[in-house]
Each structure stands twice: as structure tokens, then as C-alpha cells.
N, C-alpha and C. Protein backbone atom coordinates (compact mmCIF):
# COMPACT_ATOMS: atom_id res chain seq x y z
N MET A 1 45.90 18.97 -44.25
CA MET A 1 45.49 17.54 -43.94
C MET A 1 44.24 17.05 -44.14
N TYR A 2 43.00 18.11 -43.68
CA TYR A 2 41.51 17.53 -44.23
C TYR A 2 41.49 17.41 -45.87
N SER A 3 42.48 18.34 -46.99
CA SER A 3 42.08 18.51 -48.13
C SER A 3 42.51 16.97 -48.82
N GLY A 4 43.67 16.46 -48.09
CA GLY A 4 44.25 15.35 -48.53
C GLY A 4 42.97 14.40 -48.34
N PHE A 5 42.33 14.19 -47.61
CA PHE A 5 40.75 13.46 -47.35
C PHE A 5 39.67 13.05 -48.55
N LEU A 6 39.59 15.10 -48.31
CA LEU A 6 38.64 15.38 -49.35
C LEU A 6 38.66 14.71 -50.87
N LEU A 7 40.50 14.71 -51.01
CA LEU A 7 40.84 15.07 -52.24
C LEU A 7 40.75 13.13 -52.68
N ALA A 8 40.86 12.56 -51.42
CA ALA A 8 40.72 10.79 -51.85
C ALA A 8 39.43 10.46 -52.01
N ALA A 9 38.66 11.21 -51.74
CA ALA A 9 37.07 11.02 -51.55
C ALA A 9 36.57 11.18 -52.85
N THR A 10 36.79 12.31 -53.23
CA THR A 10 36.14 12.87 -54.61
C THR A 10 36.85 12.16 -56.03
N ASP A 11 38.23 11.71 -55.45
CA ASP A 11 39.41 11.15 -56.29
C ASP A 11 38.40 9.74 -56.86
N GLY A 12 37.67 8.75 -55.97
CA GLY A 12 37.20 7.93 -56.05
C GLY A 12 37.93 6.81 -54.89
N GLY A 13 38.75 7.24 -54.30
CA GLY A 13 40.23 6.26 -53.58
C GLY A 13 39.02 5.63 -52.43
N VAL A 14 38.57 6.20 -51.55
CA VAL A 14 37.71 5.76 -50.05
C VAL A 14 36.29 5.32 -50.52
N VAL A 15 35.71 6.54 -51.24
CA VAL A 15 34.63 5.66 -51.58
C VAL A 15 34.44 4.87 -52.75
N ASP A 16 34.98 4.85 -53.88
CA ASP A 16 35.07 3.42 -54.53
C ASP A 16 35.47 1.77 -54.03
N GLY A 17 36.53 2.38 -53.00
CA GLY A 17 37.09 1.02 -52.55
C GLY A 17 35.91 0.34 -51.35
N LEU A 18 34.70 1.68 -50.90
CA LEU A 18 33.37 1.48 -49.79
C LEU A 18 32.83 0.40 -51.10
N LYS A 19 32.47 0.98 -52.02
CA LYS A 19 31.76 0.57 -53.05
C LYS A 19 32.09 -1.61 -53.47
N HIS A 20 33.20 -1.20 -53.61
CA HIS A 20 33.85 -2.35 -53.85
C HIS A 20 33.84 -3.28 -52.96
N THR A 21 33.80 -2.73 -51.59
CA THR A 21 34.00 -3.64 -50.86
C THR A 21 32.70 -4.28 -50.45
N ALA A 22 31.48 -3.20 -50.67
CA ALA A 22 30.10 -4.19 -50.61
C ALA A 22 29.95 -4.71 -51.37
N THR A 23 29.96 -4.56 -52.97
CA THR A 23 29.87 -5.33 -53.93
C THR A 23 30.43 -6.81 -53.72
N GLU A 24 31.41 -6.63 -53.28
CA GLU A 24 32.01 -8.49 -52.80
C GLU A 24 31.24 -9.05 -51.92
N VAL A 25 31.35 -8.62 -51.13
CA VAL A 25 29.94 -8.89 -49.84
C VAL A 25 29.05 -9.61 -50.12
N GLY A 26 28.14 -8.58 -51.25
CA GLY A 26 26.83 -9.06 -51.77
C GLY A 26 27.19 -9.99 -52.90
N GLU A 27 27.96 -10.32 -53.44
CA GLU A 27 28.21 -11.42 -54.68
C GLU A 27 28.13 -12.70 -53.73
N LYS A 28 29.09 -12.62 -52.47
CA LYS A 28 29.68 -13.98 -51.72
C LYS A 28 28.21 -14.44 -51.19
N PHE A 29 27.54 -13.68 -50.36
CA PHE A 29 27.12 -14.49 -49.69
C PHE A 29 25.12 -13.73 -50.66
N GLY A 30 25.32 -13.12 -51.34
CA GLY A 30 24.42 -13.33 -52.63
C GLY A 30 23.04 -12.41 -51.19
N PHE A 31 22.24 -11.88 -51.85
CA PHE A 31 20.89 -10.92 -51.34
C PHE A 31 19.88 -11.10 -52.15
N ASN A 32 19.15 -11.39 -51.66
CA ASN A 32 17.32 -11.98 -52.24
C ASN A 32 16.29 -10.95 -51.47
N THR A 33 15.93 -10.58 -52.67
CA THR A 33 14.97 -9.30 -52.08
C THR A 33 14.05 -9.30 -51.74
N GLN A 34 13.04 -10.79 -52.32
CA GLN A 34 11.85 -11.27 -52.03
C GLN A 34 12.26 -11.70 -50.41
N LEU A 35 12.95 -11.88 -50.31
CA LEU A 35 13.45 -12.85 -48.56
C LEU A 35 13.87 -11.86 -47.87
N PHE A 36 14.11 -10.91 -48.32
CA PHE A 36 14.63 -9.72 -47.03
C PHE A 36 13.33 -8.74 -47.12
N VAL A 37 12.25 -8.72 -48.49
CA VAL A 37 10.82 -7.93 -47.90
C VAL A 37 9.79 -8.95 -47.14
N SER A 38 9.69 -10.19 -47.14
CA SER A 38 9.48 -11.00 -46.30
C SER A 38 9.44 -11.16 -45.16
N GLN A 39 10.71 -10.96 -44.75
CA GLN A 39 11.44 -10.63 -43.22
C GLN A 39 10.72 -9.72 -42.69
N PHE A 40 11.16 -8.52 -43.29
CA PHE A 40 10.97 -7.38 -43.09
C PHE A 40 9.18 -7.00 -42.74
N ILE A 41 8.14 -7.38 -43.84
CA ILE A 41 6.79 -7.66 -43.84
C ILE A 41 6.82 -8.39 -41.85
N GLY A 42 7.51 -9.08 -42.29
CA GLY A 42 7.06 -10.56 -40.84
C GLY A 42 7.64 -9.75 -39.68
N PHE A 43 8.29 -9.38 -39.28
CA PHE A 43 9.18 -8.44 -38.56
C PHE A 43 8.12 -7.59 -38.16
N PHE A 44 7.54 -6.62 -39.28
CA PHE A 44 6.28 -5.41 -38.50
C PHE A 44 5.23 -6.47 -38.25
N VAL A 45 5.10 -7.34 -38.80
CA VAL A 45 3.83 -7.91 -38.43
C VAL A 45 3.52 -8.59 -36.63
N LEU A 46 4.88 -8.77 -36.64
CA LEU A 46 5.28 -9.71 -35.18
C LEU A 46 5.09 -8.19 -34.25
N ALA A 47 5.62 -7.34 -34.52
CA ALA A 47 5.77 -6.28 -33.42
C ALA A 47 4.39 -5.72 -33.40
N PHE A 48 3.64 -5.90 -33.98
CA PHE A 48 2.43 -5.56 -34.37
C PHE A 48 1.62 -6.47 -33.47
N LEU A 49 1.36 -7.05 -33.53
CA LEU A 49 0.64 -8.49 -32.91
C LEU A 49 1.22 -8.38 -31.35
N LEU A 50 2.41 -8.23 -31.46
CA LEU A 50 3.10 -8.53 -29.91
C LEU A 50 2.63 -6.80 -28.95
N GLN A 51 2.63 -5.54 -29.75
CA GLN A 51 2.09 -4.54 -29.35
C GLN A 51 0.75 -4.59 -29.17
N ARG A 52 0.00 -5.46 -29.85
CA ARG A 52 -1.46 -5.35 -29.40
C ARG A 52 -2.14 -6.18 -28.44
N PHE A 53 -1.55 -7.61 -28.59
CA PHE A 53 -2.02 -8.29 -27.96
C PHE A 53 -0.76 -8.88 -26.23
N ALA A 54 -0.38 -8.50 -26.36
CA ALA A 54 0.70 -8.81 -25.22
C ALA A 54 1.24 -6.90 -24.42
N PHE A 55 1.49 -6.43 -24.92
CA PHE A 55 2.00 -5.46 -24.40
C PHE A 55 1.12 -4.71 -23.83
N LYS A 56 -0.10 -4.20 -24.63
CA LYS A 56 -0.75 -3.59 -23.71
C LYS A 56 -1.48 -4.43 -22.70
N PRO A 57 -2.32 -5.42 -22.99
CA PRO A 57 -2.70 -6.21 -21.46
C PRO A 57 -1.91 -6.73 -20.82
N LEU A 58 -0.50 -6.00 -20.77
CA LEU A 58 -0.26 -6.62 -19.84
C LEU A 58 -0.09 -5.07 -18.72
N LEU A 59 0.42 -4.06 -19.76
CA LEU A 59 0.01 -2.58 -19.20
C LEU A 59 -0.56 -2.21 -18.25
N ALA A 60 -1.60 -3.24 -19.08
CA ALA A 60 -3.51 -2.84 -18.24
C ALA A 60 -3.28 -3.59 -16.95
N LEU A 61 -2.67 -4.81 -16.98
CA LEU A 61 -3.15 -5.38 -15.48
C LEU A 61 -1.91 -4.70 -14.47
N LEU A 62 -0.79 -4.16 -14.88
CA LEU A 62 0.16 -3.69 -13.82
C LEU A 62 -0.59 -2.74 -13.31
N ASP A 63 -1.32 -1.84 -14.57
CA ASP A 63 -1.88 -0.34 -14.30
C ASP A 63 -2.75 -0.49 -12.77
N GLU A 64 -3.73 -1.77 -13.47
CA GLU A 64 -4.65 -2.01 -11.82
C GLU A 64 -4.53 -3.27 -11.18
N ARG A 65 -3.28 -3.60 -10.64
CA ARG A 65 -2.69 -4.16 -9.57
C ARG A 65 -2.04 -2.92 -8.63
N GLN A 66 -1.44 -2.11 -9.59
CA GLN A 66 -0.83 -1.12 -8.97
C GLN A 66 -2.05 -0.21 -8.12
N LYS A 67 -3.47 0.29 -8.75
CA LYS A 67 -4.01 0.58 -8.16
C LYS A 67 -4.69 -0.22 -7.17
N LYS A 68 -4.89 -0.65 -7.38
CA LYS A 68 -5.84 -2.23 -6.08
C LYS A 68 -4.61 -1.90 -4.73
N ILE A 69 -3.43 -1.59 -5.59
CA ILE A 69 -2.28 -1.39 -4.11
C ILE A 69 -2.89 -0.53 -3.36
N ALA A 70 -2.24 0.72 -4.42
CA ALA A 70 -3.16 2.42 -3.40
C ALA A 70 -4.60 2.13 -2.72
N ASP A 71 -5.21 1.15 -3.28
CA ASP A 71 -6.93 1.69 -2.82
C ASP A 71 -6.42 1.08 -1.43
N SER A 72 -5.61 -0.57 -1.16
CA SER A 72 -5.36 -1.17 -0.20
C SER A 72 -4.72 0.08 0.93
N LEU A 73 -3.85 0.50 0.80
CA LEU A 73 -2.76 1.78 0.95
C LEU A 73 -3.52 2.46 1.63
N ALA A 74 -4.78 3.20 0.54
CA ALA A 74 -5.18 4.44 1.22
C ALA A 74 -6.52 4.05 2.58
N ALA A 75 -6.78 2.34 2.29
CA ALA A 75 -7.86 2.08 3.69
C ALA A 75 -7.34 1.50 4.72
N ALA A 76 -6.03 1.46 4.88
CA ALA A 76 -5.07 1.24 5.65
C ALA A 76 -4.91 2.70 6.13
N GLU A 77 -4.24 3.46 6.16
CA GLU A 77 -4.46 4.59 6.70
C GLU A 77 -5.44 5.13 7.01
N LYS A 78 -6.81 4.93 5.98
CA LYS A 78 -8.16 5.17 6.79
C LYS A 78 -8.20 4.89 8.27
N MET A 79 -8.09 3.85 8.45
CA MET A 79 -8.08 2.68 9.43
C MET A 79 -7.11 3.23 10.60
N LYS A 80 -5.78 3.30 10.03
CA LYS A 80 -5.07 4.09 11.26
C LYS A 80 -6.13 5.61 11.88
N ALA A 81 -6.39 6.14 10.87
CA ALA A 81 -6.83 7.50 11.05
C ALA A 81 -7.93 7.43 12.35
N ASP A 82 -8.71 5.97 12.00
CA ASP A 82 -9.86 6.07 12.58
C ASP A 82 -9.51 5.64 13.80
N LEU A 83 -8.75 4.89 14.15
CA LEU A 83 -8.07 4.51 15.18
C LEU A 83 -7.64 5.71 16.16
N ALA A 84 -7.06 6.68 15.49
CA ALA A 84 -6.08 7.78 16.27
C ALA A 84 -7.65 8.53 16.95
N LYS A 85 -8.57 8.66 16.00
CA LYS A 85 -10.18 9.34 16.48
C LYS A 85 -10.51 8.27 17.93
N ALA A 86 -10.58 7.04 17.53
CA ALA A 86 -11.16 6.62 18.61
C ALA A 86 -10.38 7.03 19.71
N ASP A 87 -8.94 6.99 19.57
CA ASP A 87 -8.30 6.63 20.54
C ASP A 87 -8.22 8.35 21.77
N GLU A 88 -8.86 9.00 20.75
CA GLU A 88 -8.87 11.10 20.81
C GLU A 88 -10.29 10.61 21.80
N ASP A 89 -11.51 10.06 21.10
CA ASP A 89 -12.57 9.77 22.00
C ASP A 89 -12.82 9.26 22.99
N ARG A 90 -11.80 8.32 23.04
CA ARG A 90 -11.70 7.06 24.50
C ARG A 90 -11.06 8.29 25.60
N LYS A 91 -10.09 9.37 25.01
CA LYS A 91 -9.67 10.52 26.24
C LYS A 91 -10.35 11.33 26.56
N ARG A 92 -10.96 11.58 25.04
CA ARG A 92 -12.32 12.88 26.04
C ARG A 92 -13.34 11.87 26.61
N VAL A 93 -13.57 10.94 26.28
CA VAL A 93 -14.77 10.51 27.47
C VAL A 93 -14.48 9.87 28.50
N LEU A 94 -12.59 9.45 28.55
CA LEU A 94 -12.29 9.71 30.11
C LEU A 94 -12.17 11.12 30.86
N ALA A 95 -12.21 11.80 30.34
CA ALA A 95 -12.07 12.92 30.85
C ALA A 95 -13.10 13.62 31.25
N GLU A 96 -13.91 13.31 30.54
CA GLU A 96 -15.67 13.98 31.01
C GLU A 96 -15.83 13.11 31.95
N ALA A 97 -16.01 11.32 31.86
CA ALA A 97 -15.82 10.65 32.99
C ALA A 97 -15.11 11.13 34.57
N GLY A 98 -13.97 11.40 34.21
CA GLY A 98 -13.65 11.72 35.01
C GLY A 98 -13.60 13.48 35.76
N ALA A 99 -14.16 14.25 34.86
CA ALA A 99 -14.78 15.75 35.60
C ALA A 99 -16.39 15.83 36.45
N GLN A 100 -16.98 14.64 35.65
CA GLN A 100 -17.79 14.28 36.07
C GLN A 100 -18.26 13.52 37.51
N ALA A 101 -17.12 12.53 37.55
CA ALA A 101 -16.58 11.96 38.57
C ALA A 101 -16.19 12.84 39.76
N THR A 102 -15.34 13.44 39.47
CA THR A 102 -15.18 14.86 40.57
C THR A 102 -15.74 15.70 40.71
N LYS A 103 -17.10 16.49 40.16
CA LYS A 103 -17.88 16.91 40.62
C LYS A 103 -18.97 15.77 41.54
N ILE A 104 -19.20 14.35 41.29
CA ILE A 104 -20.18 13.68 41.94
C ILE A 104 -19.53 13.19 43.12
N ILE A 105 -18.32 13.41 43.26
CA ILE A 105 -17.42 13.75 44.87
C ILE A 105 -17.60 14.83 45.39
N GLU A 106 -17.71 15.80 44.67
CA GLU A 106 -17.37 17.17 45.55
C GLU A 106 -19.56 17.27 45.98
N GLU A 107 -19.88 16.68 45.17
CA GLU A 107 -21.65 16.95 45.54
C GLU A 107 -21.64 15.47 47.04
N ALA A 108 -21.06 14.62 46.90
CA ALA A 108 -21.27 14.02 47.76
C ALA A 108 -20.47 14.29 49.33
N ARG A 109 -19.50 14.95 49.01
CA ARG A 109 -19.08 15.66 50.09
C ARG A 109 -19.88 16.31 50.86
N ALA A 110 -20.45 17.37 50.01
CA ALA A 110 -21.08 18.58 50.59
C ALA A 110 -22.37 18.24 51.40
N ALA A 111 -23.11 16.65 50.48
CA ALA A 111 -24.15 16.41 51.23
C ALA A 111 -23.31 15.63 52.55
N ALA A 112 -22.33 14.72 52.44
CA ALA A 112 -21.82 14.08 53.42
C ALA A 112 -21.79 14.96 54.86
N ALA A 113 -20.90 16.09 54.71
CA ALA A 113 -20.81 17.50 55.21
C ALA A 113 -22.18 17.22 56.70
N LYS A 114 -23.69 17.37 55.68
CA LYS A 114 -25.02 17.30 56.35
C LYS A 114 -25.20 16.24 57.01
N ILE A 115 -25.08 15.16 56.47
CA ILE A 115 -25.25 14.19 56.83
C ILE A 115 -24.43 12.95 58.03
N GLY A 116 -23.59 13.13 57.27
CA GLY A 116 -22.44 12.61 58.27
C GLY A 116 -21.31 11.59 58.09
N GLU A 117 -21.10 11.13 58.72
CA GLU A 117 -19.89 10.27 58.27
C GLU A 117 -20.32 8.74 57.21
N SER A 118 -21.08 8.28 57.85
CA SER A 118 -21.38 7.16 57.31
C SER A 118 -21.71 7.71 56.06
N GLU A 119 -22.69 8.37 56.14
CA GLU A 119 -23.29 8.91 54.28
C GLU A 119 -21.73 8.97 53.09
N THR A 120 -21.17 9.88 53.94
CA THR A 120 -20.35 10.19 53.49
C THR A 120 -19.52 8.96 52.63
N GLN A 121 -19.36 7.56 53.55
CA GLN A 121 -18.20 7.12 52.71
C GLN A 121 -19.04 6.00 51.93
N ARG A 122 -20.41 6.56 52.29
CA ARG A 122 -21.34 5.17 51.25
C ARG A 122 -21.31 6.43 49.87
N ALA A 123 -20.97 7.10 49.90
CA ALA A 123 -21.22 8.57 48.71
C ALA A 123 -20.07 8.52 47.50
N VAL A 124 -18.68 8.58 48.82
CA VAL A 124 -17.14 8.32 47.97
C VAL A 124 -16.91 6.95 47.68
N ALA A 125 -17.61 5.75 47.81
CA ALA A 125 -17.96 4.50 47.12
C ALA A 125 -18.80 4.50 45.80
N ALA A 126 -20.11 5.31 46.20
CA ALA A 126 -20.86 4.81 44.68
C ALA A 126 -20.12 5.73 43.69
N ALA A 127 -19.21 6.77 44.07
CA ALA A 127 -18.82 7.66 42.99
C ALA A 127 -17.42 6.74 42.33
N ALA A 128 -16.76 6.18 43.41
CA ALA A 128 -15.81 5.54 43.16
C ALA A 128 -16.23 4.23 42.07
N ASP A 129 -17.12 3.63 43.02
CA ASP A 129 -17.68 2.54 41.65
C ASP A 129 -18.19 3.27 40.22
N ILE A 130 -18.72 3.99 40.08
CA ILE A 130 -19.26 5.13 38.87
C ILE A 130 -17.96 4.99 38.07
N ILE A 131 -16.83 5.58 38.69
CA ILE A 131 -15.58 5.53 37.88
C ILE A 131 -15.29 4.90 37.41
N ALA A 132 -15.13 3.69 38.57
CA ALA A 132 -14.61 2.09 37.85
C ALA A 132 -15.27 1.85 36.77
N LYS A 133 -16.82 2.05 36.62
CA LYS A 133 -17.88 1.16 35.43
C LYS A 133 -17.65 2.33 34.51
N ALA A 134 -17.35 3.37 34.50
CA ALA A 134 -16.81 4.21 33.36
C ALA A 134 -15.44 4.16 32.77
N LYS A 135 -14.48 3.49 33.47
CA LYS A 135 -13.09 3.20 32.78
C LYS A 135 -13.58 1.82 32.77
N GLN A 136 -14.13 1.21 33.57
CA GLN A 136 -14.49 -0.43 32.15
C GLN A 136 -14.87 -0.54 31.27
N ALA A 137 -16.13 0.42 31.05
CA ALA A 137 -16.90 0.39 29.95
C ALA A 137 -15.88 1.24 28.77
N ASN A 138 -15.14 2.11 29.11
CA ASN A 138 -14.51 3.13 27.78
C ASN A 138 -13.16 2.11 27.84
N GLU A 139 -12.75 1.35 28.76
CA GLU A 139 -11.85 0.14 28.20
C GLU A 139 -12.15 -0.77 27.58
N ALA A 140 -13.50 -1.71 27.78
CA ALA A 140 -13.76 -2.34 26.92
C ALA A 140 -13.75 -1.80 25.21
N GLU A 141 -14.63 -0.93 25.00
CA GLU A 141 -15.28 -0.67 24.23
C GLU A 141 -13.57 0.12 23.66
N PHE A 142 -12.55 0.27 23.88
CA PHE A 142 -11.53 0.84 23.26
C PHE A 142 -10.48 -0.71 23.04
N ASN A 143 -10.60 -1.77 23.84
CA ASN A 143 -9.79 -3.13 23.38
C ASN A 143 -11.08 -3.55 21.82
N ARG A 144 -12.40 -3.21 22.20
CA ARG A 144 -13.04 -4.07 20.98
C ARG A 144 -13.06 -3.06 19.50
N MET A 145 -12.23 -2.43 19.51
CA MET A 145 -12.05 -1.18 18.73
C MET A 145 -10.81 -1.67 17.97
N ARG A 146 -10.00 -1.78 19.04
CA ARG A 146 -8.50 -1.86 18.84
C ARG A 146 -8.73 -3.15 17.94
N ALA A 147 -9.42 -4.23 18.62
CA ALA A 147 -9.65 -5.93 18.19
C ALA A 147 -9.71 -5.82 16.42
N GLU A 148 -11.18 -4.94 16.35
CA GLU A 148 -11.55 -4.86 15.14
C GLU A 148 -10.82 -3.91 14.29
N LEU A 149 -9.81 -3.46 14.65
CA LEU A 149 -9.06 -2.61 13.69
C LEU A 149 -7.65 -3.36 13.38
N ARG A 150 -7.51 -4.21 14.60
CA ARG A 150 -6.55 -5.37 14.29
C ARG A 150 -7.15 -6.01 12.90
N LYS A 151 -8.08 -6.57 13.38
CA LYS A 151 -8.51 -7.72 12.16
C LYS A 151 -9.09 -7.79 10.62
N GLU A 152 -9.15 -5.69 10.73
CA GLU A 152 -8.93 -5.11 9.32
C GLU A 152 -7.81 -4.86 8.69
N VAL A 153 -6.77 -4.48 10.01
CA VAL A 153 -5.60 -3.90 9.16
C VAL A 153 -4.71 -5.52 8.60
N GLY A 154 -5.07 -6.56 9.52
CA GLY A 154 -4.42 -8.00 8.72
C GLY A 154 -5.05 -8.31 7.55
N ARG A 155 -6.53 -8.05 7.63
CA ARG A 155 -7.35 -8.37 5.79
C ARG A 155 -6.41 -7.50 5.17
N LEU A 156 -6.47 -6.56 5.29
CA LEU A 156 -5.84 -5.59 4.00
C LEU A 156 -4.49 -6.18 3.63
N VAL A 157 -3.70 -6.50 5.11
CA VAL A 157 -2.19 -6.60 4.69
C VAL A 157 -2.72 -8.42 3.77
N VAL A 158 -3.33 -8.87 4.26
CA VAL A 158 -3.26 -9.89 3.47
C VAL A 158 -3.57 -10.02 2.00
N ALA A 159 -4.83 -9.25 1.62
CA ALA A 159 -5.13 -8.53 0.59
C ALA A 159 -4.29 -8.05 -0.75
N ALA A 160 -3.51 -7.28 0.37
CA ALA A 160 -2.19 -6.16 -0.25
C ALA A 160 -1.40 -6.86 -0.86
N SER A 161 -1.16 -8.41 -0.42
CA SER A 161 0.32 -9.50 -0.51
C SER A 161 -0.12 -10.05 -1.75
N VAL A 162 -1.64 -10.50 -1.59
CA VAL A 162 -2.04 -11.64 -2.52
C VAL A 162 -1.85 -10.74 -4.00
N GLN A 163 -2.12 -9.32 -3.56
CA GLN A 163 -2.08 -8.79 -5.39
C GLN A 163 -0.59 -8.62 -5.61
N VAL A 164 -0.04 -8.17 -4.11
CA VAL A 164 1.31 -8.21 -4.85
C VAL A 164 1.74 -8.83 -5.60
N THR A 165 1.72 -9.93 -4.85
CA THR A 165 2.73 -11.60 -5.02
C THR A 165 2.27 -12.40 -6.07
N GLY A 166 0.53 -11.69 -6.81
CA GLY A 166 -0.33 -12.20 -7.28
C GLY A 166 -0.22 -13.95 -6.59
N LYS A 167 -0.34 -14.37 -6.10
CA LYS A 167 -0.76 -15.88 -5.91
C LYS A 167 -1.58 -15.77 -4.68
N ILE A 168 -2.03 -17.07 -4.58
CA ILE A 168 -3.29 -16.89 -4.06
C ILE A 168 -2.21 -17.85 -2.36
N LEU A 169 -2.60 -17.24 -1.24
CA LEU A 169 -2.15 -17.84 -0.23
C LEU A 169 -2.80 -18.61 0.97
N SER A 170 -2.18 -19.71 1.20
CA SER A 170 -2.89 -20.94 1.78
C SER A 170 -3.08 -20.23 3.16
N ALA A 171 -4.42 -21.30 3.71
CA ALA A 171 -4.77 -20.66 5.29
C ALA A 171 -3.67 -20.31 6.34
N GLU A 172 -2.95 -21.15 6.02
CA GLU A 172 -2.15 -21.05 7.22
C GLU A 172 -1.07 -19.93 6.63
N ASP A 173 -0.52 -19.80 5.52
CA ASP A 173 0.31 -18.03 5.37
C ASP A 173 -1.08 -17.13 5.39
N ARG A 174 -2.23 -16.82 5.24
CA ARG A 174 -3.17 -15.61 6.11
C ARG A 174 -2.94 -15.63 7.19
N GLN A 175 -2.76 -17.07 8.28
CA GLN A 175 -3.03 -16.64 9.57
C GLN A 175 -1.34 -15.97 9.92
N ARG A 176 -0.42 -16.46 9.53
CA ARG A 176 0.72 -16.08 10.14
C ARG A 176 0.79 -15.01 9.43
N LEU A 177 0.41 -14.14 8.23
CA LEU A 177 0.75 -12.98 7.85
C LEU A 177 -0.18 -12.21 8.93
N ALA A 178 -1.15 -12.62 8.65
CA ALA A 178 -2.31 -11.71 10.02
C ALA A 178 -1.59 -11.18 11.19
N GLN A 179 -0.77 -12.43 12.01
CA GLN A 179 -0.91 -12.40 13.35
C GLN A 179 0.46 -11.81 13.41
N GLU A 180 1.20 -11.98 12.38
CA GLU A 180 2.50 -11.36 12.21
C GLU A 180 2.26 -9.46 12.07
N THR A 181 1.21 -9.26 10.89
CA THR A 181 1.29 -8.15 11.38
C THR A 181 -0.01 -6.96 12.91
N GLN A 182 -0.22 -8.07 13.14
CA GLN A 182 -0.96 -7.15 14.46
C GLN A 182 -0.24 -7.42 15.53
N GLN A 183 1.15 -8.27 15.54
CA GLN A 183 1.93 -8.01 16.44
C GLN A 183 2.79 -6.88 16.38
N GLN A 184 2.91 -6.85 14.67
CA GLN A 184 3.64 -5.13 14.92
C GLN A 184 2.72 -4.30 14.66
N PHE A 185 1.46 -4.33 14.68
CA PHE A 185 0.66 -3.27 15.00
C PHE A 185 0.55 -2.58 16.76
N ALA A 186 0.81 -3.75 17.26
CA ALA A 186 0.54 -3.84 18.76
C ALA A 186 1.62 -3.17 19.08
N ALA A 187 3.13 -3.24 18.70
CA ALA A 187 3.86 -2.68 19.16
C ALA A 187 3.72 -1.06 18.75
């Protein structure tokens, strides 16, 4: 079976038929060597110009945008870590205040046993006041740090959105985006 194809090809059957068909097509439509060469050169000049002045700058711009987004996300993660650290500090300060308050209460009870009932009540009230003030101060600091973190995360989200979308957001859009981020962050 294969020998029949080889024989047809060597005897000029298939190969000559293809040559004849190609010659006919060339004669009907014509082939202009100068035009072909000029189009060939034009194609490569255009390909070079697109590579140099279009594709490379676009790729560089995309790489830069990707780096900015990564930096913004890293900053947001850092802020999240800072909030976690602030929360740990708040718990530590609260625990220290509780321990100190307990110590003050124990000292007040010991002194109250010597001094009397009225002094005991005054010492307990003072200790409770100290605890209340420490809790208030701690809560105020925590709320201030949380508000500051929300603002910063909102600013970072707006900045990342501007970089990702590539457009300038209106003041109303920035405000809405910051509020949505704060609401999500609060939850």
C-alpha cells in the first residue's frame, strides 16, 4: 500500500500535480516580488515599533500597578497587626490595672480593719474610682486607636481602589467606600 504512494510520488504523479496547481494559482493571481518584500519589511517594522513603544510600556505600567497594590495590601496587613498588638496591650494594661486594683483593695481592707468602718468604705470607693478611671482611660485609648486604624484602612482601601480601577474617585465615592470599609471592619 505504501509502495503505491511512493511510486506515485516518484513517478511525478502527486508532486507534479502540486507543482502544476501552484503554478496555475500563481499565474492567475500573480505574484509581485517587490510588493511581497515591501509588505514583509513593513510587517517587521510595525512589529518592532509595537514591541518597543506599546507592549513594553504597557507591561511596565501593569507591573508598577501590581507593585502598588501589593504595597497597599501589605500596609493594610501591618495595620491589622498593629491593631492586634494594641488589643493585646489593652488587655495587658487592663490586667495590670485589675491586679493593681486588687492590691489596693487588699491594702484598703487591711487598713480599714485598723481604722474602722468609715475608712473602709472610703478606701473601697477610692479603689473603685481608680479602677473606673483606669478602665475609662484604657477604653478611650483603645477607641482612639481603633478610629485611627479605621481611617487608615479606609484611606488604604480608597487608594487601592483608585490604583486598581485606574480612575479618580469623586469625594462622594471616596466617602462611601471609606464608610463601607469601616462598617465591614467594625463587624
